[in-house]
Amino acid sequence: MHGELTLEQATQRVEDNFRRVFAQLPAHARAEKIAGDPAPCNEPSDGGPAGRVVASVDYRIHDLPPEHYGHLFDVLRAWWIDHRFTVLIDARPRGLYLWVENAADGFRMAAQANEAGGLFLTSASPCVWPGNVSSDDQPR
């Protein structure tokens, strides 16, 4: 399925995934976009051709107390599981890091907190073509 997506479509989907997950946090939480440029996918793990990119966004989440992060990670984990995501890594209790992948489309997300009290959400696509055409129109 993701081989048919363009970068524009994948970028929209990573933003949509972020918004859906962000909606699970308390209403007073505030999101600050800190990254959102495509990254090269020149050594894809899926065995596909080089030249593709990964659409991704990174947000820092503000206005939530670090002492509530453990509970928030429980909420996010439950939501992801209920929405067909598979947990790839749950680093708790050693650290606050969750990494998940949607079983249907290969899109991934992560939640991470650092020792300085920062909370971050990432949403990323599988490898897609950077142009506005599907994989059917790309050289093989």
C-alpha atoms as a PDB file:
ATOM      1  CA  MET A   1       0.000   0.000   0.000  1.00  0.00           C
ATOM      2  CA  HIS A   2       2.703   2.548   0.926  1.00  0.00           C
ATOM      3  CA  GLY A   3       4.484   2.061  -2.405  1.00  0.00           C
ATOM      4  CA  GLU A   4       1.558   3.835  -4.034  1.00  0.00           C
ATOM      5  CA  LEU A   5       1.797   6.910  -1.804  1.00  0.00           C
ATOM      6  CA  THR A   6       3.467  10.114  -2.910  1.00  0.00           C
ATOM      7  CA  LEU A   7       5.507  12.216  -0.497  1.00  0.00           C
ATOM      8  CA  GLU A   8       2.649  14.717  -0.309  1.00  0.00           C
ATOM      9  CA  GLN A   9       0.165  12.006   0.678  1.00  0.00           C
ATOM     10  CA  ALA A  10       2.581  10.468   3.182  1.00  0.00           C
ATOM     11  CA  THR A  11       3.261  13.887   4.733  1.00  0.00           C
ATOM     12  CA  GLN A  12      -0.471  14.459   5.158  1.00  0.00           C
ATOM     13  CA  ARG A  13      -0.878  11.059   6.769  1.00  0.00           C
ATOM     14  CA  VAL A  14       1.980  11.577   9.264  1.00  0.00           C
ATOM     15  CA  GLU A  15       0.379  14.896  10.284  1.00  0.00           C
ATOM     16  CA  ASP A  16      -3.050  13.241  10.566  1.00  0.00           C
ATOM     17  CA  ASN A  17      -1.577  10.461  12.717  1.00  0.00           C
ATOM     18  CA  PHE A  18       0.088  13.051  14.930  1.00  0.00           C
ATOM     19  CA  ARG A  19      -3.174  14.991  15.378  1.00  0.00           C
ATOM     20  CA  ARG A  20      -5.104  11.834  16.262  1.00  0.00           C
ATOM     21  CA  VAL A  21      -2.561  10.874  18.932  1.00  0.00           C
ATOM     22  CA  PHE A  22      -2.129  14.428  20.224  1.00  0.00           C
ATOM     23  CA  ALA A  23      -5.911  14.520  20.806  1.00  0.00           C
ATOM     24  CA  GLN A  24      -5.428  11.802  23.443  1.00  0.00           C
ATOM     25  CA  LEU A  25      -3.401  14.189  25.628  1.00  0.00           C
ATOM     26  CA  PRO A  26      -5.012  16.667  28.036  1.00  0.00           C
ATOM     27  CA  ALA A  27      -6.689  19.608  26.305  1.00  0.00           C
ATOM     28  CA  HIS A  28      -4.242  22.145  27.744  1.00  0.00           C
ATOM     29  CA  ALA A  29      -1.231  20.440  26.093  1.00  0.00           C
ATOM     30  CA  ARG A  30       0.496  22.532  23.439  1.00  0.00           C
ATOM     31  CA  ALA A  31       2.440  21.166  20.457  1.00  0.00           C
ATOM     32  CA  GLU A  32       5.486  22.849  18.891  1.00  0.00           C
ATOM     33  CA  LYS A  33       6.659  21.445  15.561  1.00  0.00           C
ATOM     34  CA  ILE A  34      10.438  21.059  15.708  1.00  0.00           C
ATOM     35  CA  ALA A  35      11.083  19.071  12.512  1.00  0.00           C
ATOM     36  CA  GLY A  36       9.184  18.079   9.414  1.00  0.00           C
ATOM     37  CA  ASP A  37      11.488  17.610   6.454  1.00  0.00           C
ATOM     38  CA  PRO A  38      11.652  14.348   4.499  1.00  0.00           C
ATOM     39  CA  ALA A  39      14.654  12.146   5.239  1.00  0.00           C
ATOM     40  CA  PRO A  40      16.489   9.945   2.715  1.00  0.00           C
ATOM     41  CA  CYS A  41      15.594   6.288   2.575  1.00  0.00           C
ATOM     42  CA  ASN A  42      18.615   5.182   0.568  1.00  0.00           C
ATOM     43  CA  GLU A  43      19.106   1.945   2.470  1.00  0.00           C
ATOM     44  CA  PRO A  44      15.510   0.820   2.898  1.00  0.00           C
ATOM     45  CA  SER A  45      14.946  -2.171   5.125  1.00  0.00           C
ATOM     46  CA  ASP A  46      11.994  -3.243   2.985  1.00  0.00           C
ATOM     47  CA  GLY A  47      14.213  -4.284   0.075  1.00  0.00           C
ATOM     48  CA  GLY A  48      12.810  -1.594  -2.197  1.00  0.00           C
ATOM     49  CA  PRO A  49      14.747   0.629  -4.592  1.00  0.00           C
ATOM     50  CA  ALA A  50      16.940   3.522  -3.499  1.00  0.00           C
ATOM     51  CA  GLY A  51      15.902   7.124  -4.045  1.00  0.00           C
ATOM     52  CA  ARG A  52      12.886   7.114  -1.798  1.00  0.00           C
ATOM     53  CA  VAL A  53      12.285   9.249   1.299  1.00  0.00           C
ATOM     54  CA  VAL A  54      10.533   9.031   4.656  1.00  0.00           C
ATOM     55  CA  ALA A  55       7.980  11.706   5.527  1.00  0.00           C
ATOM     56  CA  SER A  56       8.175  12.586   9.214  1.00  0.00           C
ATOM     57  CA  VAL A  57       7.235  15.183  11.791  1.00  0.00           C
ATOM     58  CA  ASP A  58       8.582  15.771  15.283  1.00  0.00           C
ATOM     59  CA  TYR A  59       6.723  17.775  17.893  1.00  0.00           C
ATOM     60  CA  ARG A  60       7.707  18.892  21.355  1.00  0.00           C
ATOM     61  CA  ILE A  61       4.760  18.782  23.740  1.00  0.00           C
ATOM     62  CA  HIS A  62       4.502  21.588  26.280  1.00  0.00           C
ATOM     63  CA  ASP A  63       2.429  22.380  29.369  1.00  0.00           C
ATOM     64  CA  LEU A  64       2.264  18.862  30.798  1.00  0.00           C
ATOM     65  CA  PRO A  65       3.963  18.043  34.111  1.00  0.00           C
ATOM     66  CA  PRO A  66       6.710  15.400  33.857  1.00  0.00           C
ATOM     67  CA  GLU A  67       5.284  13.534  36.840  1.00  0.00           C
ATOM     68  CA  HIS A  68       2.260  12.671  34.655  1.00  0.00           C
ATOM     69  CA  TYR A  69       4.294  11.283  31.751  1.00  0.00           C
ATOM     70  CA  GLY A  70       4.071   7.670  32.962  1.00  0.00           C
ATOM     71  CA  HIS A  71       0.280   7.817  32.902  1.00  0.00           C
ATOM     72  CA  LEU A  72       0.287   9.604  29.520  1.00  0.00           C
ATOM     73  CA  PHE A  73       2.471   6.853  28.044  1.00  0.00           C
ATOM     74  CA  ASP A  74      -0.070   4.289  29.305  1.00  0.00           C
ATOM     75  CA  VAL A  75      -2.857   6.257  27.586  1.00  0.00           C
ATOM     76  CA  LEU A  76      -0.928   6.521  24.319  1.00  0.00           C
ATOM     77  CA  ARG A  77       0.052   2.841  24.358  1.00  0.00           C
ATOM     78  CA  ALA A  78      -3.568   1.770  24.893  1.00  0.00           C
ATOM     79  CA  TRP A  79      -4.799   4.071  22.121  1.00  0.00           C
ATOM     80  CA  TRP A  80      -2.171   2.821  19.685  1.00  0.00           C
ATOM     81  CA  ILE A  81      -3.003  -0.815  20.400  1.00  0.00           C
ATOM     82  CA  ASP A  82      -6.733  -0.092  19.984  1.00  0.00           C
ATOM     83  CA  HIS A  83      -5.955   1.443  16.570  1.00  0.00           C
ATOM     84  CA  ARG A  84      -3.972  -1.475  15.093  1.00  0.00           C
ATOM     85  CA  PHE A  85      -0.484  -0.330  16.038  1.00  0.00           C
ATOM     86  CA  THR A  86       2.037  -2.915  17.197  1.00  0.00           C
ATOM     87  CA  VAL A  87       4.450  -1.963  19.960  1.00  0.00           C
ATOM     88  CA  LEU A  88       7.996  -2.308  18.603  1.00  0.00           C
ATOM     89  CA  ILE A  89       9.760  -0.950  21.700  1.00  0.00           C
ATOM     90  CA  ASP A  90       8.452  -0.068  25.140  1.00  0.00           C
ATOM     91  CA  ALA A  91      11.549   0.971  27.100  1.00  0.00           C
ATOM     92  CA  ARG A  92       9.697   1.453  30.369  1.00  0.00           C
ATOM     93  CA  PRO A  93      10.547   1.299  33.231  1.00  0.00           C
ATOM     94  CA  ARG A  94      14.178   2.133  32.298  1.00  0.00           C
ATOM     95  CA  GLY A  95      13.115   5.077  30.168  1.00  0.00           C
ATOM     96  CA  LEU A  96      10.056   6.751  28.754  1.00  0.00           C
ATOM     97  CA  TYR A  97      10.143   5.655  25.129  1.00  0.00           C
ATOM     98  CA  LEU A  98       7.450   3.958  23.046  1.00  0.00           C
ATOM     99  CA  TRP A  99       7.819   3.086  19.376  1.00  0.00           C
ATOM    100  CA  VAL A 100       4.880   1.649  17.429  1.00  0.00           C
ATOM    101  CA  GLU A 101       4.001   0.650  13.868  1.00  0.00           C
ATOM    102  CA  ASN A 102       0.596   0.509  12.219  1.00  0.00           C
ATOM    103  CA  ALA A 103       0.004  -3.042  11.054  1.00  0.00           C
ATOM    104  CA  ALA A 104      -2.081  -1.923   8.062  1.00  0.00           C
ATOM    105  CA  ASP A 105       0.094   0.741   6.458  1.00  0.00           C
ATOM    106  CA  GLY A 106       3.602   0.623   7.979  1.00  0.00           C
ATOM    107  CA  PHE A 107       3.449   4.143   9.422  1.00  0.00           C
ATOM    108  CA  ARG A 108       5.336   4.486  12.697  1.00  0.00           C
ATOM    109  CA  MET A 109       5.047   6.733  15.713  1.00  0.00           C
ATOM    110  CA  ALA A 110       7.045   7.297  18.879  1.00  0.00           C
ATOM    111  CA  ALA A 111       6.663   9.041  22.200  1.00  0.00           C
ATOM    112  CA  GLN A 112       9.747   9.949  24.192  1.00  0.00           C
ATOM    113  CA  ALA A 113      10.554  11.925  27.318  1.00  0.00           C
ATOM    114  CA  ASN A 114      14.029  13.049  28.328  1.00  0.00           C
ATOM    115  CA  GLU A 115      15.656  13.706  31.684  1.00  0.00           C
ATOM    116  CA  ALA A 116      15.239  17.463  31.238  1.00  0.00           C
ATOM    117  CA  GLY A 117      11.445  17.058  31.229  1.00  0.00           C
ATOM    118  CA  GLY A 118      10.934  17.298  27.473  1.00  0.00           C
ATOM    119  CA  LEU A 119       8.154  15.277  25.890  1.00  0.00           C
ATOM    120  CA  PHE A 120       8.225  14.510  22.155  1.00  0.00           C
ATOM    121  CA  LEU A 121       5.940  12.818  19.621  1.00  0.00           C
ATOM    122  CA  THR A 122       7.181  11.621  16.239  1.00  0.00           C
ATOM    123  CA  SER A 123       5.180  10.371  13.281  1.00  0.00           C
ATOM    124  CA  ALA A 124       6.846   8.818  10.209  1.00  0.00           C
ATOM    125  CA  SER A 125       5.914   7.109   6.973  1.00  0.00           C
ATOM    126  CA  PRO A 126       7.415   4.073   5.326  1.00  0.00           C
ATOM    127  CA  CYS A 127       9.661   4.777   2.320  1.00  0.00           C
ATOM    128  CA  VAL A 128       7.855   6.665  -0.475  1.00  0.00           C
ATOM    129  CA  TRP A 129       8.844   8.346  -3.720  1.00  0.00           C
ATOM    130  CA  PRO A 130       9.772  12.025  -3.338  1.00  0.00           C
ATOM    131  CA  GLY A 131       7.929  13.208  -6.468  1.00  0.00           C
ATOM    132  CA  ASN A 132       4.254  13.644  -7.128  1.00  0.00           C
ATOM    133  CA  VAL A 133       3.920  10.291  -8.880  1.00  0.00           C
ATOM    134  CA  SER A 134       3.324   6.815  -7.551  1.00  0.00           C
ATOM    135  CA  SER A 135       5.806   3.952  -7.537  1.00  0.00           C
ATOM    136  CA  ASP A 136       4.235   2.658 -10.762  1.00  0.00           C
ATOM    137  CA  ASP A 137       5.748   5.637 -12.593  1.00  0.00           C
ATOM    138  CA  GLN A 138       9.246   5.428 -11.038  1.00  0.00           C
ATOM    139  CA  PRO A 139      12.208   3.668 -12.678  1.00  0.00           C
ATOM    140  CA  ARG A 140      12.939   0.149 -11.532  1.00  0.00           C
END
